[in-house]
Every structure is written in C-alpha cells, then in structure tokens.
C-alpha cells in the first residue's frame, strides 16, 4: 500500500444502529516532533523513543513504502537497538515463509548476479529496491535475521477467487478460520474498497469490494500468525520487528490484532506520519491509532 493518511474521525458504526455516529478523540501532534507517544501525549527525543520501545520483544512498525525519509527512521531504530546489544529479526510482508532460505542466502552474501532479480523484487513489490535495501543492510550489518511473513501469490489468488478445490487441506483450514466480521476494521478499510478498479467479468462492485477485503484479512491473519511463530522462537536479547504497511497496523485492527489472538506476548505498535506542508504546525491523529508515532519529511 502506498502512503496513507490518518483518519480524523471514526466512520459510522455498521449494523442495527447505523444512525448512531461516534467521533474519535484526536490529538494535535506538533509537526516539529521526531517521535510522539500517544500513550502519554508528548513528543519524544530519540533516546526516549528507544527507551519506550526497548522493553518489548515484539515491535510492529508501520511503513510508507515509497518514502526514503520514513525508511531512514527505521534504519535508525534498528541501529539504536543493535547498539543496546539486541539482535534484530526483521519480518517483512514482501516475502513468504517459503522465502526464508533465500533470505538467509541474501544475508550470507551467497546470491550471485543482480540481487533484485534473484530476489524477484520487481514481481513482489513494485517499489524501488533502493528504498528498502538500507533497512535490510542495517539488519545484516548487526548480525540480524530476515524473514518472510505473507501468503504466497498462488494462495492469495485462491483466496481472492474462493477457489477451495485448489487449496491444500492446510490452506483450506486457514481459509475457513478467517474472521471477516471485525466491524471497526471493515469501517476503517471501506473507503479504500468502495471503488473497485479491477472488477472482474460478471462481478458487481459489492462482490469486488468483498473480494478485496477477504484478501486483506487473509494477509493480516497470515502475517499475524507467522509473527507469533517467530516471536515464540526469539532468543534472549533478540527483538522481532514486524515491518508492514501502515494500514496493516492502523488502530490495532490488522496484523497486530490477529497476532494478539494467537500470542500472549506483549507488543508495541509504531506508525509513520508525514509532516506535510512546511508551514503545517500540527497534525491531527486519532488517539487509538497507535502506541507511538515517528514523523518524517515528505
């Protein structure tokens, strides 16, 4: 997902009481902040920010995929935690668990030729590899690990098309377990799915929206479950950074929600926020959108 903005209000509640509306509490975050705590409603400097993050073994970090400036903050987070003697395990949405061997070869410098081609980056991502490479390099430089989290494209296609006969027994069990009825999550994403740009032949706009939402939930569920597996295997002093698009974590309703259903390990969520225009002094952010924020220049 491309760069997103935070919502200024909560959408209408769905269901029997559709006429009732709830407005979210918003904070005005000073644009000059580098980091901000929504828990204590205050700006943080770098050291204070790391102090807030360090106690957690599991750290969910939202990404704005096309921003080099946002990624500089992630590199700094990895570096600062490493300086405090923590090894980083970075789990990324662009890869699946079946890619972990490939990622280990990348870490070990065993991939020959064009790295982006060997990694299949263009087919996986679509964003410039140079935007993400500094993050991976920071992990590798500090003896960290890289993991894949997401569904394979073939399985994603099956879920999208509801092609149950093509699924393995394990895939079918996962598909049948999907919870598509988290109302706040539906509300959060409905503006993005209200206009279907790739309606299939014979498919209504409603069916298209439902299909896109089904895939989104499948991605979040898979990444939440795989994050829990990785978290359960952390060694002493190791930190798991789950690095996914910001909307996968917004308001604690995505990957982090699905993680919390299968793991008891405490976690912290960090989301990005662009500063916007130079003259902008404050940025309105929903109170429940995250635990911590990192701000970056567009």
Protein backbone atom coordinates (compact mmCIF):
# COMPACT_ATOMS: atom_id res chain seq x y z
CA UNK A 1 0.00 0.00 0.00
CA UNK A 2 1.13 3.45 -0.79
CA UNK A 3 1.42 6.34 1.60
CA UNK A 4 -1.68 6.74 3.72
CA UNK A 5 -3.02 9.49 5.89
CA UNK A 6 -4.56 9.10 9.32
CA UNK A 7 -8.28 9.47 9.76
CA UNK A 8 -9.69 12.47 11.60
CA UNK A 9 -12.86 10.70 12.74
CA UNK A 10 -14.29 7.25 13.22
CA UNK A 11 -16.61 6.02 10.47
CA UNK A 12 -20.29 5.24 11.08
CA UNK A 13 -20.84 2.10 13.11
CA UNK A 14 -22.18 -0.72 10.98
CA UNK A 15 -25.15 -2.88 11.93
CA UNK A 16 -28.50 -2.31 13.54
CA UNK A 17 -27.66 1.12 14.95
CA UNK A 18 -26.44 2.59 11.70
CA UNK A 19 -27.81 6.03 12.52
CA UNK A 20 -25.50 6.46 15.52
CA UNK A 21 -22.12 8.03 14.96
CA UNK A 22 -19.07 8.03 17.19
CA UNK A 23 -16.32 10.58 16.80
CA UNK A 24 -12.78 9.53 17.62
CA UNK A 25 -10.69 11.57 20.02
CA UNK A 26 -7.87 13.26 18.17
CA UNK A 27 -4.60 14.76 19.32
CA UNK A 28 -2.78 17.61 17.65
CA UNK A 29 0.75 16.34 17.24
CA UNK A 30 3.33 19.13 16.89
CA UNK A 31 4.87 18.82 13.44
CA UNK A 32 8.36 19.51 14.80
CA UNK A 33 8.32 16.27 16.83
CA UNK A 34 10.53 13.46 15.62
CA UNK A 35 8.67 10.91 17.74
CA UNK A 36 5.39 11.09 19.61
CA UNK A 37 3.76 8.96 22.29
CA UNK A 38 0.01 8.67 22.03
CA UNK A 39 0.08 6.93 25.41
CA UNK A 40 1.49 9.96 27.24
CA UNK A 41 0.58 12.64 24.65
CA UNK A 42 4.10 14.03 24.38
CA UNK A 43 6.96 14.49 21.96
CA UNK A 44 9.96 12.24 22.47
CA UNK A 45 13.57 12.59 21.54
CA UNK A 46 15.42 9.65 20.02
CA UNK A 47 16.72 8.22 23.29
CA UNK A 48 13.32 8.47 24.97
CA UNK A 49 11.71 6.81 21.98
CA UNK A 50 14.15 3.89 22.10
CA UNK A 51 13.60 3.67 25.86
CA UNK A 52 9.86 3.23 25.23
CA UNK A 53 10.42 0.58 22.57
CA UNK A 54 13.22 -1.43 24.16
CA UNK A 55 11.22 -3.37 26.79
CA UNK A 56 9.18 -5.10 24.08
CA UNK A 57 10.38 -8.21 22.30
CA UNK A 58 7.76 -7.77 19.57
CA UNK A 59 7.68 -4.45 17.74
CA UNK A 60 5.14 -3.74 15.00
CA UNK A 61 6.37 -0.96 12.73
CA UNK A 62 4.22 0.57 10.01
CA UNK A 63 5.78 1.52 6.71
CA UNK A 64 5.07 4.05 4.00
CA UNK A 65 6.63 2.02 1.22
CA UNK A 66 7.63 4.80 -1.15
CA UNK A 67 9.33 7.11 1.37
CA UNK A 68 13.11 7.10 1.72
CA UNK A 69 12.82 9.51 4.66
CA UNK A 70 10.49 7.17 6.54
CA UNK A 71 12.93 4.32 5.96
CA UNK A 72 15.79 6.36 7.42
CA UNK A 73 13.93 6.33 10.73
CA UNK A 74 13.59 2.54 10.56
CA UNK A 75 17.32 2.18 9.90
CA UNK A 76 17.97 4.35 12.95
CA UNK A 77 15.64 2.23 15.09
CA UNK A 78 17.43 -0.97 14.05
CA UNK A 79 20.84 0.61 14.63
CA UNK A 80 19.99 2.04 18.05
CA UNK A 81 18.51 -1.22 19.32
CA UNK A 82 21.56 -3.06 17.99
CA UNK A 83 23.84 -0.65 19.88
CA UNK A 84 22.00 -1.70 23.01
CA UNK A 85 23.05 -5.30 22.35
CA UNK A 86 19.83 -6.52 20.78
CA UNK A 87 19.81 -8.73 17.72
CA UNK A 88 17.08 -7.84 15.24
CA UNK A 89 14.82 -10.30 13.47
CA UNK A 90 13.06 -8.32 10.74
CA UNK A 91 9.90 -9.94 9.33
CA UNK A 92 8.71 -8.41 6.08
CA UNK A 93 5.42 -8.55 4.18
CA UNK A 94 7.11 -8.74 0.76
CA UNK A 95 8.22 -12.33 1.35
CA UNK A 96 6.56 -15.56 2.45
CA UNK A 97 7.96 -18.11 4.94
CA UNK A 98 8.99 -20.25 1.97
CA UNK A 99 11.43 -17.46 1.04
CA UNK A 100 13.34 -17.71 4.32
CA UNK A 101 16.08 -19.84 2.78
CA UNK A 102 16.50 -17.29 0.00
CA UNK A 103 16.68 -14.51 2.58
CA UNK A 104 19.33 -16.42 4.53
CA UNK A 105 21.38 -16.70 1.35
CA UNK A 106 20.99 -12.95 0.92
CA UNK A 107 22.24 -12.41 4.47
CA UNK A 108 25.20 -14.73 3.89
CA UNK A 109 26.15 -12.98 0.64
CA UNK A 110 25.59 -16.14 -1.38
CA UNK A 111 23.38 -14.64 -4.07
CA UNK A 112 25.23 -14.02 -7.31
CA UNK A 113 24.39 -11.55 -10.04
CA UNK A 114 21.64 -8.94 -9.91
CA UNK A 115 20.32 -9.13 -6.33
CA UNK A 116 16.98 -7.56 -7.12
CA UNK A 117 16.44 -10.05 -9.93
CA UNK A 118 17.44 -13.03 -7.79
CA UNK A 119 15.11 -11.85 -5.03
CA UNK A 120 12.32 -11.36 -7.57
CA UNK A 121 11.87 -7.86 -6.20
CA UNK A 122 10.10 -6.30 -9.17
CA UNK A 123 7.44 -9.02 -9.22
CA UNK A 124 7.00 -8.96 -5.45
CA UNK A 125 6.97 -5.27 -4.70
CA UNK A 126 6.94 -2.70 -7.48
CA UNK A 127 8.81 -0.10 -5.41
CA UNK A 128 12.47 0.76 -5.98
CA UNK A 129 14.69 -1.76 -4.17
CA UNK A 130 16.96 1.12 -3.14
CA UNK A 131 14.19 2.36 -0.84
CA UNK A 132 14.22 -0.85 1.22
CA UNK A 133 17.81 -2.01 0.85
CA UNK A 134 19.20 0.25 3.64
CA UNK A 135 16.82 -1.40 6.11
CA UNK A 136 17.94 -4.89 5.16
CA UNK A 137 21.58 -3.79 5.22
CA UNK A 138 21.18 -2.39 8.74
CA UNK A 139 19.81 -5.74 9.94
CA UNK A 140 22.59 -7.70 8.25
CA UNK A 141 25.31 -5.33 9.47
CA UNK A 142 24.24 -6.01 13.04
CA UNK A 143 24.10 -9.82 12.63
CA UNK A 144 20.32 -9.87 12.44
CA UNK A 145 17.92 -12.10 10.51
CA UNK A 146 15.36 -11.62 7.77
CA UNK A 147 12.08 -13.49 7.49
CA UNK A 148 9.07 -13.62 5.21
CA UNK A 149 5.57 -13.28 6.64
CA UNK A 150 2.96 -13.13 3.94
CA UNK A 151 0.98 -15.50 1.76
CA UNK A 152 2.37 -16.77 -1.49
CA UNK A 153 0.83 -15.23 -4.59
CA UNK A 154 -0.70 -18.55 -5.66
CA UNK A 155 -2.54 -18.88 -2.35
CA UNK A 156 -3.58 -15.23 -2.44
CA UNK A 157 -5.17 -15.89 -5.83
CA UNK A 158 -7.04 -18.89 -4.43
CA UNK A 159 -8.41 -16.80 -1.56
CA UNK A 160 -9.38 -13.99 -3.91
CA UNK A 161 -11.24 -16.35 -6.23
CA UNK A 162 -12.57 -18.56 -3.40
CA UNK A 163 -11.04 -21.49 -5.26
CA UNK A 164 -11.50 -24.02 -2.49
CA UNK A 165 -10.82 -27.09 -4.61
CA UNK A 166 -7.30 -25.87 -5.41
CA UNK A 167 -6.40 -25.42 -1.75
CA UNK A 168 -4.48 -27.97 0.26
CA UNK A 169 -6.01 -29.24 3.49
CA UNK A 170 -3.87 -26.80 5.47
CA UNK A 171 -4.78 -23.87 3.21
CA UNK A 172 -8.48 -24.73 3.43
CA UNK A 173 -8.30 -24.84 7.22
CA UNK A 174 -6.68 -21.39 7.23
CA UNK A 175 -9.29 -20.06 4.80
CA UNK A 176 -12.16 -21.43 6.88
CA UNK A 177 -10.73 -19.75 10.00
CA UNK A 178 -10.74 -16.24 8.53
CA UNK A 179 -12.70 -13.76 10.63
CA UNK A 180 -14.30 -11.31 8.21
CA UNK A 181 -16.59 -9.76 10.81
CA UNK A 182 -14.43 -7.27 12.71
CA UNK A 183 -16.70 -4.26 12.28
CA UNK A 184 -14.18 -1.48 13.14
CA UNK A 185 -11.75 -3.00 10.65
CA UNK A 186 -14.44 -3.05 7.97
CA UNK A 187 -15.18 0.60 8.72
CA UNK A 188 -11.52 1.52 8.55
CA UNK A 189 -10.97 -0.02 5.13
CA UNK A 190 -14.33 0.62 3.49
CA UNK A 191 -13.24 3.95 1.91
CA UNK A 192 -10.37 2.17 0.16
CA UNK A 193 -12.57 -0.63 -1.15
CA UNK A 194 -15.61 1.45 -2.08
CA UNK A 195 -14.34 1.95 -5.63
CA UNK A 196 -13.23 -1.28 -7.25
CA UNK A 197 -10.89 -0.52 -10.15
CA UNK A 198 -10.46 -4.11 -11.28
CA UNK A 199 -13.96 -5.54 -11.32
CA UNK A 200 -13.95 -8.97 -12.92
CA UNK A 201 -16.33 -10.08 -15.64
CA UNK A 202 -19.79 -10.59 -14.18
CA UNK A 203 -18.72 -9.25 -10.79
CA UNK A 204 -20.66 -6.48 -9.06
CA UNK A 205 -18.92 -3.62 -7.25
CA UNK A 206 -20.08 -5.12 -3.94
CA UNK A 207 -18.61 -8.51 -4.81
CA UNK A 208 -15.35 -6.85 -5.81
CA UNK A 209 -15.15 -4.97 -2.51
CA UNK A 210 -15.84 -8.15 -0.58
CA UNK A 211 -13.13 -9.96 -2.51
CA UNK A 212 -10.54 -7.26 -1.81
CA UNK A 213 -11.46 -7.21 1.86
CA UNK A 214 -11.24 -11.02 2.06
CA UNK A 215 -7.68 -10.89 0.73
CA UNK A 216 -6.75 -8.09 3.14
CA UNK A 217 -7.99 -10.12 6.11
CA UNK A 218 -6.15 -13.19 4.82
CA UNK A 219 -2.91 -11.21 4.57
CA UNK A 220 -3.32 -9.77 8.06
CA UNK A 221 -4.21 -13.16 9.51
CA UNK A 222 -1.30 -14.95 7.87
CA UNK A 223 1.19 -12.27 8.91
CA UNK A 224 -0.19 -12.22 12.46
CA UNK A 225 0.12 -15.99 12.79
CA UNK A 226 3.60 -16.11 11.28
CA UNK A 227 4.69 -13.26 13.56
CA UNK A 228 3.51 -15.30 16.55
CA UNK A 229 5.56 -18.29 15.40
CA UNK A 230 8.68 -16.13 15.05
CA UNK A 231 8.05 -14.43 18.39
CA UNK A 232 7.85 -17.80 20.13
CA UNK A 233 11.36 -18.64 18.85
CA UNK A 234 13.11 -15.44 19.90
CA UNK A 235 16.34 -15.92 21.79
CA UNK A 236 17.46 -13.82 24.76
CA UNK A 237 18.06 -10.21 23.77
CA UNK A 238 16.52 -10.65 20.33
CA UNK A 239 13.81 -8.30 19.06
CA UNK A 240 11.25 -9.12 16.40
CA UNK A 241 10.38 -6.15 14.20
CA UNK A 242 7.29 -6.86 12.13
CA UNK A 243 7.65 -4.39 9.26
CA UNK A 244 4.50 -4.00 7.19
CA UNK A 245 2.47 -1.29 5.50
CA UNK A 246 0.98 1.17 7.97
CA UNK A 247 -2.63 0.29 7.17
CA UNK A 248 -1.93 -3.30 8.22
CA UNK A 249 -1.48 -1.96 11.78
CA UNK A 250 -3.76 1.08 11.95
CA UNK A 251 -5.83 1.36 15.15
CA UNK A 252 -4.63 -2.07 16.27
CA UNK A 253 -7.04 -3.77 13.86
CA UNK A 254 -4.77 -5.56 11.40
CA UNK A 255 -1.74 -7.79 11.78
CA UNK A 256 -1.34 -6.76 15.42
CA UNK A 257 -4.94 -7.76 16.22
CA UNK A 258 -4.53 -11.15 14.53
CA UNK A 259 -1.22 -11.61 16.39
CA UNK A 260 -2.84 -10.91 19.76
CA UNK A 261 -5.37 -13.67 19.14
CA UNK A 262 -2.70 -16.37 18.94
CA UNK A 263 0.09 -14.98 21.14
CA UNK A 264 0.25 -13.71 24.71
CA UNK A 265 3.50 -11.82 24.16
CA UNK A 266 3.31 -8.07 24.81
CA UNK A 267 3.98 -5.82 21.83
CA UNK A 268 4.19 -2.19 20.84
CA UNK A 269 2.92 -0.60 17.63
CA UNK A 270 4.70 2.27 15.88
CA UNK A 271 3.18 4.10 12.91
CA UNK A 272 4.60 6.66 10.48
CA UNK A 273 3.14 10.09 9.92
CA UNK A 274 4.31 12.57 7.24
CA UNK A 275 4.80 16.14 8.36
CA UNK A 276 3.04 17.54 5.33
CA UNK A 277 3.49 21.11 4.16
CA UNK A 278 6.35 23.11 5.60
CA UNK A 279 4.01 25.67 7.16
CA UNK A 280 1.95 22.99 8.92
CA UNK A 281 2.39 23.30 12.67
CA UNK A 282 0.20 20.48 13.92
CA UNK A 283 -1.07 17.14 12.64
CA UNK A 284 -4.37 15.64 13.82
CA UNK A 285 -4.06 11.98 14.73
CA UNK A 286 -6.64 9.59 16.19
CA UNK A 287 -5.87 8.70 19.79
CA UNK A 288 -6.21 4.95 19.26
CA UNK A 289 -4.29 4.72 16.00
CA UNK A 290 -1.03 3.52 17.56
CA UNK A 291 1.15 3.48 20.68
CA UNK A 292 3.98 5.52 19.20
CA UNK A 293 4.47 7.60 16.06
CA UNK A 294 7.51 8.51 14.05
CA UNK A 295 7.36 11.66 11.96
CA UNK A 296 9.20 12.21 8.71
CA UNK A 297 9.51 14.84 6.00
CA UNK A 298 7.72 14.20 2.72
